[in-house]
Amino acid sequence: MKAPTVANTSPASEFQFFGQVSINGASKDLTVRLRDNSGAAVWSTTLHARHR
């Protein structure tokens, strides 16, 4: 994970992150991604839907 080397670093200096959630319409699986300020995914996980 990227982290600033000094305290109180501005989010504009490459240390801002945002989340993205996607749901697959066919499988109903939910994918969560953490992205950095360039849009690159730095972490991702998929939760699989229970099929009844």
C-alpha atoms as a PDB file:
ATOM      1  CA  MET A   1       0.000   0.000   0.000  1.00  0.00           C
ATOM      2  CA  LYS A   2       1.246   3.453  -0.811  1.00  0.00           C
ATOM      3  CA  ALA A   3       1.613   5.823   2.128  1.00  0.00           C
ATOM      4  CA  PRO A   4       3.215   9.236   2.591  1.00  0.00           C
ATOM      5  CA  THR A   5       6.590   9.394   4.293  1.00  0.00           C
ATOM      6  CA  VAL A   6       5.679  12.506   6.321  1.00  0.00           C
ATOM      7  CA  ALA A   7       2.625  13.490   8.365  1.00  0.00           C
ATOM      8  CA  ASN A   8      -0.063  15.877   7.036  1.00  0.00           C
ATOM      9  CA  THR A   9       0.679  15.201   3.376  1.00  0.00           C
ATOM     10  CA  SER A  10      -1.853  16.671   0.962  1.00  0.00           C
ATOM     11  CA  PRO A  11      -4.164  14.193  -0.817  1.00  0.00           C
ATOM     12  CA  ALA A  12      -3.207  15.985  -4.047  1.00  0.00           C
ATOM     13  CA  SER A  13       0.299  14.512  -3.749  1.00  0.00           C
ATOM     14  CA  GLU A  14      -0.644  11.003  -4.928  1.00  0.00           C
ATOM     15  CA  PHE A  15      -2.038   9.726  -1.628  1.00  0.00           C
ATOM     16  CA  GLN A  16      -5.756   9.869  -2.322  1.00  0.00           C
ATOM     17  CA  PHE A  17      -7.734   6.655  -2.760  1.00  0.00           C
ATOM     18  CA  PHE A  18     -11.318   5.866  -3.694  1.00  0.00           C
ATOM     19  CA  GLY A  19     -13.477   2.773  -3.794  1.00  0.00           C
ATOM     20  CA  GLN A  20     -15.398   1.255  -6.685  1.00  0.00           C
ATOM     21  CA  VAL A  21     -18.103  -1.402  -6.434  1.00  0.00           C
ATOM     22  CA  SER A  22     -19.341  -3.490  -9.381  1.00  0.00           C
ATOM     23  CA  ILE A  23     -22.104  -6.091  -9.475  1.00  0.00           C
ATOM     24  CA  ASN A  24     -22.097  -8.705 -12.217  1.00  0.00           C
ATOM     25  CA  GLY A  25     -25.660  -8.872 -13.548  1.00  0.00           C
ATOM     26  CA  ALA A  26     -25.443 -12.512 -14.591  1.00  0.00           C
ATOM     27  CA  SER A  27     -23.690 -14.061 -11.591  1.00  0.00           C
ATOM     28  CA  LYS A  28     -24.698 -11.417  -8.993  1.00  0.00           C
ATOM     29  CA  ASP A  29     -21.073 -11.396  -7.735  1.00  0.00           C
ATOM     30  CA  LEU A  30     -19.953  -8.163  -6.087  1.00  0.00           C
ATOM     31  CA  THR A  31     -16.433  -6.854  -6.756  1.00  0.00           C
ATOM     32  CA  VAL A  32     -14.874  -4.094  -4.636  1.00  0.00           C
ATOM     33  CA  ARG A  33     -11.743  -2.243  -5.770  1.00  0.00           C
ATOM     34  CA  LEU A  34      -9.587   0.350  -4.034  1.00  0.00           C
ATOM     35  CA  ARG A  35      -8.063   2.717  -6.598  1.00  0.00           C
ATOM     36  CA  ASP A  36      -5.327   5.328  -6.346  1.00  0.00           C
ATOM     37  CA  ASN A  37      -5.569   8.822  -7.826  1.00  0.00           C
ATOM     38  CA  SER A  38      -4.389   7.564 -11.245  1.00  0.00           C
ATOM     39  CA  GLY A  39      -7.250   5.041 -11.360  1.00  0.00           C
ATOM     40  CA  ALA A  40      -5.023   1.977 -10.919  1.00  0.00           C
ATOM     41  CA  ALA A  41      -6.511  -0.728  -8.681  1.00  0.00           C
ATOM     42  CA  VAL A  42      -4.309  -1.236  -5.607  1.00  0.00           C
ATOM     43  CA  TRP A  43      -6.598  -3.845  -3.975  1.00  0.00           C
ATOM     44  CA  SER A  44      -9.579  -5.899  -5.071  1.00  0.00           C
ATOM     45  CA  THR A  45     -11.830  -8.649  -3.760  1.00  0.00           C
ATOM     46  CA  THR A  46     -14.922 -10.407  -5.086  1.00  0.00           C
ATOM     47  CA  LEU A  47     -17.814 -11.607  -2.953  1.00  0.00           C
ATOM     48  CA  HIS A  48     -19.632 -14.460  -4.663  1.00  0.00           C
ATOM     49  CA  ALA A  49     -23.412 -14.514  -4.528  1.00  0.00           C
ATOM     50  CA  ARG A  50     -25.145 -17.410  -2.868  1.00  0.00           C
ATOM     51  CA  HIS A  51     -27.261 -19.321  -5.343  1.00  0.00           C
ATOM     52  CA  ARG A  52     -30.413 -20.728  -3.796  1.00  0.00           C
END
